[in-house]
C-alpha cells in the first residue's frame, strides 16, 4: 500500500466482518480496495459464543478456499489477537485468543482487529478519508456505534467513542441506527440525537473530518444536512463493505496490528 492507497489489482485476500446481526465475507482485491466478487452474509449465531462464531468463520473461509493470511473483524477491543471487550456477542469472548481460534477454524493465519477500526482503515485507504493528512474520526452507526481514530492515515486502535456517557446514557443506546428503528424516530428526531452526540465527541477529539459509516450512511442526504457542526461531516464511501475491505487490507499490510496490537 502506498501513501495514496492501493494502486494495483489482482491480489486477493479474504475479509470477514463479524457484526451483531450478520457475518459477512468476500474476497477483496487489495489493489483496488474493493470486493472482487459477491459478498456472502449469514446470520450471527445466537448465542454468539466462541465455538459458534468460529464455526461460522470456518464455514465462510471454506467457501472461498482461503490461503495465507485472512482478515477478521470483531465487535470489541482486540489487542494482539486477544479480545478484551465483546459488544453484541457472547461475553465468553472476553479474554479469548480470537486470532488463534479463527486461525485454527480456517486453517489460515487470521489477523483480527476491531470492526470499526477495519472500516476506518478502509475509508482512509480508498474511501472518504483518503489523502486526509489530519485527524479523522470514523463512526459506524448500526446495532451500536463503533469508532476509528486516524491521524495522517495511521490508525490509533481500539477507540470506543460509542460508549461515551452523555446525559447519563451510553451514547449507542440512544443514538445508534438500531435505536432509530426500534423507537420509530423520525429523521429529525434521530438527527437531533446524532447532532448532540457529534458535538460532544467533536469537543473531545477536535478532528479535521468526521466520516459517518454503517448501513444508514446510504441515506446520508436525510440527516447530514440537519447537523450543525463546524467540523466537516461526510458519508462513508464503502458502506457495508468497509469492514470486509479493511480486514483484508489489514491482513495484507499489517497496519492496524502495529504498536500495542503487535504480537
C-alpha atoms as a PDB file:
ATOM      1  CA  UNK A   1       0.000   0.000   0.000  1.00  0.00           C
ATOM      2  CA  UNK A   2       1.294   3.435  -0.877  1.00  0.00           C
ATOM      3  CA  UNK A   3       0.626   6.699   0.931  1.00  0.00           C
ATOM      4  CA  UNK A   4      -2.086   7.361  -1.621  1.00  0.00           C
ATOM      5  CA  UNK A   5      -3.746   3.972  -1.071  1.00  0.00           C
ATOM      6  CA  UNK A   6      -3.866   0.802  -3.154  1.00  0.00           C
ATOM      7  CA  UNK A   7      -2.900   1.299  -6.765  1.00  0.00           C
ATOM      8  CA  UNK A   8      -2.820  -2.115  -8.423  1.00  0.00           C
ATOM      9  CA  UNK A   9      -5.182  -5.067  -8.690  1.00  0.00           C
ATOM     10  CA  UNK A  10      -5.074  -8.825  -8.889  1.00  0.00           C
ATOM     11  CA  UNK A  11      -4.066  -9.657  -5.288  1.00  0.00           C
ATOM     12  CA  UNK A  12      -6.994 -11.189  -3.403  1.00  0.00           C
ATOM     13  CA  UNK A  13      -7.328 -11.573   0.365  1.00  0.00           C
ATOM     14  CA  UNK A  14     -10.318 -12.923   2.262  1.00  0.00           C
ATOM     15  CA  UNK A  15     -12.010 -10.407   4.552  1.00  0.00           C
ATOM     16  CA  UNK A  16     -14.583 -11.487   7.150  1.00  0.00           C
ATOM     17  CA  UNK A  17     -16.652  -8.943   9.061  1.00  0.00           C
ATOM     18  CA  UNK A  18     -18.366 -10.103  12.277  1.00  0.00           C
ATOM     19  CA  UNK A  19     -21.333  -7.964  13.316  1.00  0.00           C
ATOM     20  CA  UNK A  20     -24.071  -8.200  15.879  1.00  0.00           C
ATOM     21  CA  UNK A  21     -26.606  -9.218  13.235  1.00  0.00           C
ATOM     22  CA  UNK A  22     -24.608 -10.906  10.477  1.00  0.00           C
ATOM     23  CA  UNK A  23     -21.196 -12.225   9.490  1.00  0.00           C
ATOM     24  CA  UNK A  24     -20.112 -11.167   6.003  1.00  0.00           C
ATOM     25  CA  UNK A  25     -17.247 -12.362   3.863  1.00  0.00           C
ATOM     26  CA  UNK A  26     -15.739 -11.710   0.455  1.00  0.00           C
ATOM     27  CA  UNK A  27     -12.511 -11.964  -1.435  1.00  0.00           C
ATOM     28  CA  UNK A  28     -11.063  -8.462  -1.651  1.00  0.00           C
ATOM     29  CA  UNK A  29      -8.885  -7.127  -4.422  1.00  0.00           C
ATOM     30  CA  UNK A  30      -6.454  -5.305  -2.134  1.00  0.00           C
ATOM     31  CA  UNK A  31      -5.032  -3.401  -5.073  1.00  0.00           C
ATOM     32  CA  UNK A  32      -8.366  -1.749  -5.797  1.00  0.00           C
ATOM     33  CA  UNK A  33      -9.593  -1.868  -2.203  1.00  0.00           C
ATOM     34  CA  UNK A  34     -12.912  -3.490  -3.138  1.00  0.00           C
ATOM     35  CA  UNK A  35     -14.577  -6.920  -3.111  1.00  0.00           C
ATOM     36  CA  UNK A  36     -13.639  -8.825  -6.229  1.00  0.00           C
ATOM     37  CA  UNK A  37     -16.879 -10.798  -6.216  1.00  0.00           C
ATOM     38  CA  UNK A  38     -20.082 -11.384  -4.316  1.00  0.00           C
ATOM     39  CA  UNK A  39     -20.339 -10.728  -0.587  1.00  0.00           C
ATOM     40  CA  UNK A  40     -21.709 -13.712   1.328  1.00  0.00           C
ATOM     41  CA  UNK A  41     -23.649 -12.979   4.529  1.00  0.00           C
ATOM     42  CA  UNK A  42     -25.003 -15.337   7.176  1.00  0.00           C
ATOM     43  CA  UNK A  43     -26.811 -14.624  10.431  1.00  0.00           C
ATOM     44  CA  UNK A  44     -24.673 -14.186  13.530  1.00  0.00           C
ATOM     45  CA  UNK A  45     -25.335 -17.260  15.694  1.00  0.00           C
ATOM     46  CA  UNK A  46     -27.306 -16.918  18.906  1.00  0.00           C
ATOM     47  CA  UNK A  47     -25.685 -17.144  21.333  1.00  0.00           C
ATOM     48  CA  UNK A  48     -22.555 -15.879  19.593  1.00  0.00           C
ATOM     49  CA  UNK A  49     -20.156 -17.962  21.667  1.00  0.00           C
ATOM     50  CA  UNK A  50     -16.516 -18.519  20.657  1.00  0.00           C
ATOM     51  CA  UNK A  51     -17.152 -22.041  19.280  1.00  0.00           C
ATOM     52  CA  UNK A  52     -20.302 -20.948  17.420  1.00  0.00           C
ATOM     53  CA  UNK A  53     -18.718 -17.901  15.784  1.00  0.00           C
ATOM     54  CA  UNK A  54     -15.527 -19.765  14.975  1.00  0.00           C
ATOM     55  CA  UNK A  55     -17.641 -22.384  13.237  1.00  0.00           C
ATOM     56  CA  UNK A  56     -19.307 -19.734  11.079  1.00  0.00           C
ATOM     57  CA  UNK A  57     -15.965 -18.127  10.227  1.00  0.00           C
ATOM     58  CA  UNK A  58     -14.559 -21.540   9.322  1.00  0.00           C
ATOM     59  CA  UNK A  59     -17.517 -22.303   7.056  1.00  0.00           C
ATOM     60  CA  UNK A  60     -17.203 -18.983   5.268  1.00  0.00           C
ATOM     61  CA  UNK A  61     -13.468 -19.458   4.796  1.00  0.00           C
ATOM     62  CA  UNK A  62     -14.046 -22.893   3.312  1.00  0.00           C
ATOM     63  CA  UNK A  63     -16.463 -21.422   0.754  1.00  0.00           C
ATOM     64  CA  UNK A  64     -13.729 -19.150  -0.543  1.00  0.00           C
ATOM     65  CA  UNK A  65     -10.839 -21.604  -0.177  1.00  0.00           C
ATOM     66  CA  UNK A  66      -8.699 -19.209   1.854  1.00  0.00           C
ATOM     67  CA  UNK A  67      -4.922 -19.279   1.559  1.00  0.00           C
ATOM     68  CA  UNK A  68      -2.262 -17.444   3.536  1.00  0.00           C
ATOM     69  CA  UNK A  69      -3.446 -14.599   5.768  1.00  0.00           C
ATOM     70  CA  UNK A  70      -7.062 -13.586   6.187  1.00  0.00           C
ATOM     71  CA  UNK A  71      -8.534 -10.573   7.956  1.00  0.00           C
ATOM     72  CA  UNK A  72     -11.327 -10.898  10.514  1.00  0.00           C
ATOM     73  CA  UNK A  73     -13.096  -8.064  12.300  1.00  0.00           C
ATOM     74  CA  UNK A  74     -14.535  -8.381  15.796  1.00  0.00           C
ATOM     75  CA  UNK A  75     -17.081  -6.183  17.632  1.00  0.00           C
ATOM     76  CA  UNK A  76     -14.887  -5.331  20.593  1.00  0.00           C
ATOM     77  CA  UNK A  77     -11.425  -4.269  21.714  1.00  0.00           C
ATOM     78  CA  UNK A  78      -8.737  -6.573  20.313  1.00  0.00           C
ATOM     79  CA  UNK A  79      -5.084  -6.458  21.363  1.00  0.00           C
ATOM     80  CA  UNK A  80      -2.530  -8.803  19.815  1.00  0.00           C
ATOM     81  CA  UNK A  81      -5.383 -11.060  18.730  1.00  0.00           C
ATOM     82  CA  UNK A  82      -6.939 -11.319  22.202  1.00  0.00           C
ATOM     83  CA  UNK A  83     -10.432  -9.995  22.913  1.00  0.00           C
ATOM     84  CA  UNK A  84     -10.793  -7.505  25.771  1.00  0.00           C
ATOM     85  CA  UNK A  85     -14.428  -6.447  25.328  1.00  0.00           C
ATOM     86  CA  UNK A  86     -17.355  -8.008  23.492  1.00  0.00           C
ATOM     87  CA  UNK A  87     -20.258  -5.931  22.180  1.00  0.00           C
ATOM     88  CA  UNK A  88     -23.389  -7.672  20.901  1.00  0.00           C
ATOM     89  CA  UNK A  89     -21.742 -11.101  21.112  1.00  0.00           C
ATOM     90  CA  UNK A  90     -21.375 -13.564  23.992  1.00  0.00           C
ATOM     91  CA  UNK A  91     -19.231 -12.263  26.894  1.00  0.00           C
ATOM     92  CA  UNK A  92     -17.387 -15.595  26.896  1.00  0.00           C
ATOM     93  CA  UNK A  93     -15.227 -13.981  24.209  1.00  0.00           C
ATOM     94  CA  UNK A  94     -13.527 -11.720  26.751  1.00  0.00           C
ATOM     95  CA  UNK A  95     -10.001 -12.992  27.278  1.00  0.00           C
ATOM     96  CA  UNK A  96     -10.216 -15.377  24.319  1.00  0.00           C
ATOM     97  CA  UNK A  97      -7.406 -15.738  21.799  1.00  0.00           C
ATOM     98  CA  UNK A  98      -9.572 -14.863  18.810  1.00  0.00           C
ATOM     99  CA  UNK A  99      -6.657 -14.876  16.368  1.00  0.00           C
ATOM    100  CA  UNK A 100      -5.665 -18.370  17.415  1.00  0.00           C
ATOM    101  CA  UNK A 101      -9.252 -19.621  17.407  1.00  0.00           C
ATOM    102  CA  UNK A 102     -10.032 -18.261  13.944  1.00  0.00           C
ATOM    103  CA  UNK A 103      -6.696 -19.481  12.581  1.00  0.00           C
ATOM    104  CA  UNK A 104      -7.484 -22.988  13.804  1.00  0.00           C
ATOM    105  CA  UNK A 105     -11.045 -22.843  12.436  1.00  0.00           C
ATOM    106  CA  UNK A 106      -9.972 -21.689   8.973  1.00  0.00           C
ATOM    107  CA  UNK A 107      -6.557 -23.252   8.522  1.00  0.00           C
ATOM    108  CA  UNK A 108      -5.253 -19.779   7.623  1.00  0.00           C
ATOM    109  CA  UNK A 109      -3.380 -17.196   9.672  1.00  0.00           C
ATOM    110  CA  UNK A 110      -6.074 -14.823  10.939  1.00  0.00           C
ATOM    111  CA  UNK A 111      -5.357 -11.154  11.639  1.00  0.00           C
ATOM    112  CA  UNK A 112      -8.112  -9.919  13.980  1.00  0.00           C
ATOM    113  CA  UNK A 113      -8.988  -6.279  14.608  1.00  0.00           C
ATOM    114  CA  UNK A 114     -11.879  -4.216  15.881  1.00  0.00           C
ATOM    115  CA  UNK A 115     -14.697  -3.925  13.338  1.00  0.00           C
ATOM    116  CA  UNK A 116     -14.879  -0.135  13.354  1.00  0.00           C
ATOM    117  CA  UNK A 117     -11.082   0.082  13.110  1.00  0.00           C
ATOM    118  CA  UNK A 118     -11.296  -2.028   9.962  1.00  0.00           C
ATOM    119  CA  UNK A 119     -13.858   0.356   8.491  1.00  0.00           C
ATOM    120  CA  UNK A 120     -11.582   3.259   9.337  1.00  0.00           C
ATOM    121  CA  UNK A 121      -8.606   1.616   7.638  1.00  0.00           C
ATOM    122  CA  UNK A 122     -10.690   1.097   4.508  1.00  0.00           C
ATOM    123  CA  UNK A 123     -12.058   4.639   4.419  1.00  0.00           C
ATOM    124  CA  UNK A 124      -8.555   6.051   4.910  1.00  0.00           C
ATOM    125  CA  UNK A 125      -7.090   3.876   2.160  1.00  0.00           C
ATOM    126  CA  UNK A 126      -9.717   4.125  -0.570  1.00  0.00           C
ATOM    127  CA  UNK A 127     -12.744   5.925   0.830  1.00  0.00           C
ATOM    128  CA  UNK A 128     -13.962   9.241   2.194  1.00  0.00           C
ATOM    129  CA  UNK A 129     -10.811   9.893   4.260  1.00  0.00           C
ATOM    130  CA  UNK A 130      -8.289   9.091   1.544  1.00  0.00           C
ATOM    131  CA  UNK A 131      -5.407  11.574   1.427  1.00  0.00           C
ATOM    132  CA  UNK A 132      -6.623  13.305   4.617  1.00  0.00           C
ATOM    133  CA  UNK A 133      -3.444  14.314   6.456  1.00  0.00           C
ATOM    134  CA  UNK A 134      -5.111  15.402   9.690  1.00  0.00           C
ATOM    135  CA  UNK A 135      -7.197  13.714  12.366  1.00  0.00           C
ATOM    136  CA  UNK A 136     -10.157  11.701  11.113  1.00  0.00           C
ATOM    137  CA  UNK A 137     -12.905  10.164  13.213  1.00  0.00           C
ATOM    138  CA  UNK A 138     -14.867   7.375  11.501  1.00  0.00           C
ATOM    139  CA  UNK A 139     -18.134   6.408  13.204  1.00  0.00           C
ATOM    140  CA  UNK A 140     -20.073   3.315  12.178  1.00  0.00           C
ATOM    141  CA  UNK A 141     -23.752   3.519  13.083  1.00  0.00           C
ATOM    142  CA  UNK A 142     -25.525   0.192  13.215  1.00  0.00           C
ATOM    143  CA  UNK A 143     -26.525  -2.117  16.066  1.00  0.00           C
ATOM    144  CA  UNK A 144     -24.281   0.097  18.195  1.00  0.00           C
ATOM    145  CA  UNK A 145     -21.759   2.850  17.477  1.00  0.00           C
ATOM    146  CA  UNK A 146     -18.237   1.904  16.509  1.00  0.00           C
ATOM    147  CA  UNK A 147     -15.370   4.345  16.132  1.00  0.00           C
ATOM    148  CA  UNK A 148     -11.992   4.521  14.442  1.00  0.00           C
ATOM    149  CA  UNK A 149      -9.492   7.307  15.047  1.00  0.00           C
ATOM    150  CA  UNK A 150      -6.833   8.022  12.449  1.00  0.00           C
ATOM    151  CA  UNK A 151      -4.024  10.550  12.160  1.00  0.00           C
ATOM    152  CA  UNK A 152      -2.298  11.056   8.848  1.00  0.00           C
ATOM    153  CA  UNK A 153      -3.878   7.841   7.619  1.00  0.00           C
ATOM    154  CA  UNK A 154      -2.451   5.837  10.529  1.00  0.00           C
ATOM    155  CA  UNK A 155      -4.789   4.054  12.923  1.00  0.00           C
ATOM    156  CA  UNK A 156      -4.947   4.666  16.672  1.00  0.00           C
ATOM    157  CA  UNK A 157      -6.530   1.297  17.528  1.00  0.00           C
ATOM    158  CA  UNK A 158      -9.406   0.434  19.825  1.00  0.00           C
ATOM    159  CA  UNK A 159     -11.078   3.783  20.411  1.00  0.00           C
ATOM    160  CA  UNK A 160     -14.535   3.304  21.952  1.00  0.00           C
ATOM    161  CA  UNK A 161     -16.330   6.600  21.438  1.00  0.00           C
ATOM    162  CA  UNK A 162     -19.655   4.831  21.022  1.00  0.00           C
ATOM    163  CA  UNK A 163     -19.645   4.185  24.754  1.00  0.00           C
ATOM    164  CA  UNK A 164     -19.275   7.786  25.872  1.00  0.00           C
ATOM    165  CA  UNK A 165     -21.833   8.618  28.560  1.00  0.00           C
ATOM    166  CA  UNK A 166     -23.932  11.602  27.517  1.00  0.00           C
ATOM    167  CA  UNK A 167     -26.817  12.870  29.630  1.00  0.00           C
ATOM    168  CA  UNK A 168     -26.482   9.765  31.782  1.00  0.00           C
ATOM    169  CA  UNK A 169     -26.762   7.283  28.922  1.00  0.00           C
ATOM    170  CA  UNK A 170     -24.299   5.222  26.926  1.00  0.00           C
ATOM    171  CA  UNK A 171     -24.309   7.035  23.569  1.00  0.00           C
ATOM    172  CA  UNK A 172     -25.033   3.983  21.438  1.00  0.00           C
ATOM    173  CA  UNK A 173     -28.163   3.200  23.486  1.00  0.00           C
ATOM    174  CA  UNK A 174     -29.736   6.484  22.358  1.00  0.00           C
ATOM    175  CA  UNK A 175     -28.132   7.269  19.006  1.00  0.00           C
ATOM    176  CA  UNK A 176     -27.360   4.099  17.031  1.00  0.00           C
ATOM    177  CA  UNK A 177     -29.125   3.288  13.776  1.00  0.00           C
ATOM    178  CA  UNK A 178     -30.933   0.428  15.510  1.00  0.00           C
ATOM    179  CA  UNK A 179     -32.358   2.838  18.083  1.00  0.00           C
ATOM    180  CA  UNK A 180     -33.834   4.928  15.281  1.00  0.00           C
ATOM    181  CA  UNK A 181     -35.681   1.864  14.013  1.00  0.00           C
ATOM    182  CA  UNK A 182     -36.648   0.409  17.392  1.00  0.00           C
ATOM    183  CA  UNK A 183     -38.024   3.717  18.696  1.00  0.00           C
ATOM    184  CA  UNK A 184     -39.541   4.657  15.327  1.00  0.00           C
ATOM    185  CA  UNK A 185     -37.787   8.026  15.380  1.00  0.00           C
ATOM    186  CA  UNK A 186     -38.241  10.496  12.550  1.00  0.00           C
ATOM    187  CA  UNK A 187     -35.137  11.653  10.717  1.00  0.00           C
ATOM    188  CA  UNK A 188     -35.391  14.995  12.501  1.00  0.00           C
ATOM    189  CA  UNK A 189     -35.667  13.358  15.923  1.00  0.00           C
ATOM    190  CA  UNK A 190     -32.798  10.980  15.332  1.00  0.00           C
ATOM    191  CA  UNK A 191     -30.626  13.647  13.698  1.00  0.00           C
ATOM    192  CA  UNK A 192     -31.062  15.804  16.796  1.00  0.00           C
ATOM    193  CA  UNK A 193     -29.680  12.999  18.929  1.00  0.00           C
ATOM    194  CA  UNK A 194     -26.841  12.405  16.483  1.00  0.00           C
ATOM    195  CA  UNK A 195     -26.025  16.115  16.433  1.00  0.00           C
ATOM    196  CA  UNK A 196     -25.851  16.204  20.240  1.00  0.00           C
ATOM    197  CA  UNK A 197     -23.527  13.202  20.260  1.00  0.00           C
ATOM    198  CA  UNK A 198     -21.292  14.571  17.498  1.00  0.00           C
ATOM    199  CA  UNK A 199     -20.883  17.923  19.249  1.00  0.00           C
ATOM    200  CA  UNK A 200     -19.789  16.063  22.375  1.00  0.00           C
ATOM    201  CA  UNK A 201     -17.223  13.830  20.688  1.00  0.00           C
ATOM    202  CA  UNK A 202     -16.059  16.690  18.453  1.00  0.00           C
ATOM    203  CA  UNK A 203     -15.171  18.710  21.551  1.00  0.00           C
ATOM    204  CA  UNK A 204     -13.108  15.814  22.910  1.00  0.00           C
ATOM    205  CA  UNK A 205     -11.227  14.842  19.757  1.00  0.00           C
ATOM    206  CA  UNK A 206     -11.211  18.004  17.609  1.00  0.00           C
ATOM    207  CA  UNK A 207     -10.941  16.059  14.337  1.00  0.00           C
ATOM    208  CA  UNK A 208     -10.421  17.635  10.932  1.00  0.00           C
ATOM    209  CA  UNK A 209     -13.050  15.340   9.414  1.00  0.00           C
ATOM    210  CA  UNK A 210     -15.831  13.073  10.674  1.00  0.00           C
ATOM    211  CA  UNK A 211     -16.932  10.175   8.466  1.00  0.00           C
ATOM    212  CA  UNK A 212     -20.299   8.501   9.123  1.00  0.00           C
ATOM    213  CA  UNK A 213     -20.483   4.852   8.106  1.00  0.00           C
ATOM    214  CA  UNK A 214     -22.753   1.869   8.588  1.00  0.00           C
ATOM    215  CA  UNK A 215     -25.786   0.976   6.531  1.00  0.00           C
ATOM    216  CA  UNK A 216     -27.559   4.199   7.433  1.00  0.00           C
ATOM    217  CA  UNK A 217     -24.887   6.196   5.601  1.00  0.00           C
ATOM    218  CA  UNK A 218     -26.621   5.216   2.361  1.00  0.00           C
ATOM    219  CA  UNK A 219     -29.367   7.642   3.409  1.00  0.00           C
ATOM    220  CA  UNK A 220     -26.985  10.438   4.360  1.00  0.00           C
ATOM    221  CA  UNK A 221     -28.978  13.037   2.443  1.00  0.00           C
ATOM    222  CA  UNK A 222     -31.732  12.627   5.029  1.00  0.00           C
ATOM    223  CA  UNK A 223     -29.630  13.538   8.052  1.00  0.00           C
ATOM    224  CA  UNK A 224     -26.307  15.193   7.174  1.00  0.00           C
ATOM    225  CA  UNK A 225     -27.994  18.500   6.194  1.00  0.00           C
ATOM    226  CA  UNK A 226     -29.640  18.600   9.648  1.00  0.00           C
ATOM    227  CA  UNK A 227     -26.337  18.572  11.560  1.00  0.00           C
ATOM    228  CA  UNK A 228     -24.888  21.795  12.980  1.00  0.00           C
ATOM    229  CA  UNK A 229     -21.187  21.009  13.466  1.00  0.00           C
ATOM    230  CA  UNK A 230     -18.491  23.313  12.152  1.00  0.00           C
ATOM    231  CA  UNK A 231     -16.252  20.279  11.599  1.00  0.00           C
ATOM    232  CA  UNK A 232     -16.911  18.731   8.164  1.00  0.00           C
ATOM    233  CA  UNK A 233     -19.051  15.596   8.325  1.00  0.00           C
ATOM    234  CA  UNK A 234     -19.302  13.315   5.313  1.00  0.00           C
ATOM    235  CA  UNK A 235     -20.721   9.904   4.472  1.00  0.00           C
ATOM    236  CA  UNK A 236     -18.500   6.849   4.184  1.00  0.00           C
ATOM    237  CA  UNK A 237     -17.974   5.681   0.617  1.00  0.00           C
ATOM    238  CA  UNK A 238     -17.604   1.955   1.177  1.00  0.00           C
ATOM    239  CA  UNK A 239     -20.874   1.398   3.019  1.00  0.00           C
ATOM    240  CA  UNK A 240     -21.330  -2.092   4.435  1.00  0.00           C
ATOM    241  CA  UNK A 241     -18.253  -3.328   2.561  1.00  0.00           C
ATOM    242  CA  UNK A 242     -15.900  -1.198   4.692  1.00  0.00           C
ATOM    243  CA  UNK A 243     -15.291  -3.822   7.367  1.00  0.00           C
ATOM    244  CA  UNK A 244     -14.571  -6.570   4.841  1.00  0.00           C
ATOM    245  CA  UNK A 245     -12.225  -4.362   2.830  1.00  0.00           C
ATOM    246  CA  UNK A 246     -10.445  -3.053   5.929  1.00  0.00           C
ATOM    247  CA  UNK A 247      -9.968  -6.562   7.303  1.00  0.00           C
ATOM    248  CA  UNK A 248      -8.362  -7.679   4.045  1.00  0.00           C
ATOM    249  CA  UNK A 249      -6.128  -4.599   3.886  1.00  0.00           C
ATOM    250  CA  UNK A 250      -5.046  -5.239   7.484  1.00  0.00           C
ATOM    251  CA  UNK A 251      -4.187  -8.839   6.670  1.00  0.00           C
ATOM    252  CA  UNK A 252      -2.132  -7.767   3.665  1.00  0.00           C
ATOM    253  CA  UNK A 253      -0.337  -4.757   5.155  1.00  0.00           C
ATOM    254  CA  UNK A 254      -0.336  -5.363   8.901  1.00  0.00           C
ATOM    255  CA  UNK A 255      -1.001  -1.651   9.507  1.00  0.00           C
ATOM    256  CA  UNK A 256      -3.560  -1.999  12.341  1.00  0.00           C
ATOM    257  CA  UNK A 257      -1.542  -4.672  14.176  1.00  0.00           C
ATOM    258  CA  UNK A 258       1.476  -2.481  14.872  1.00  0.00           C
ATOM    259  CA  UNK A 259       2.193  -0.941  18.256  1.00  0.00           C
ATOM    260  CA  UNK A 260       0.074  -2.249  21.127  1.00  0.00           C
ATOM    261  CA  UNK A 261      -1.692  -4.634  18.764  1.00  0.00           C
ATOM    262  CA  UNK A 262       1.525  -6.218  17.570  1.00  0.00           C
ATOM    263  CA  UNK A 263       2.198  -9.837  18.572  1.00  0.00           C
END
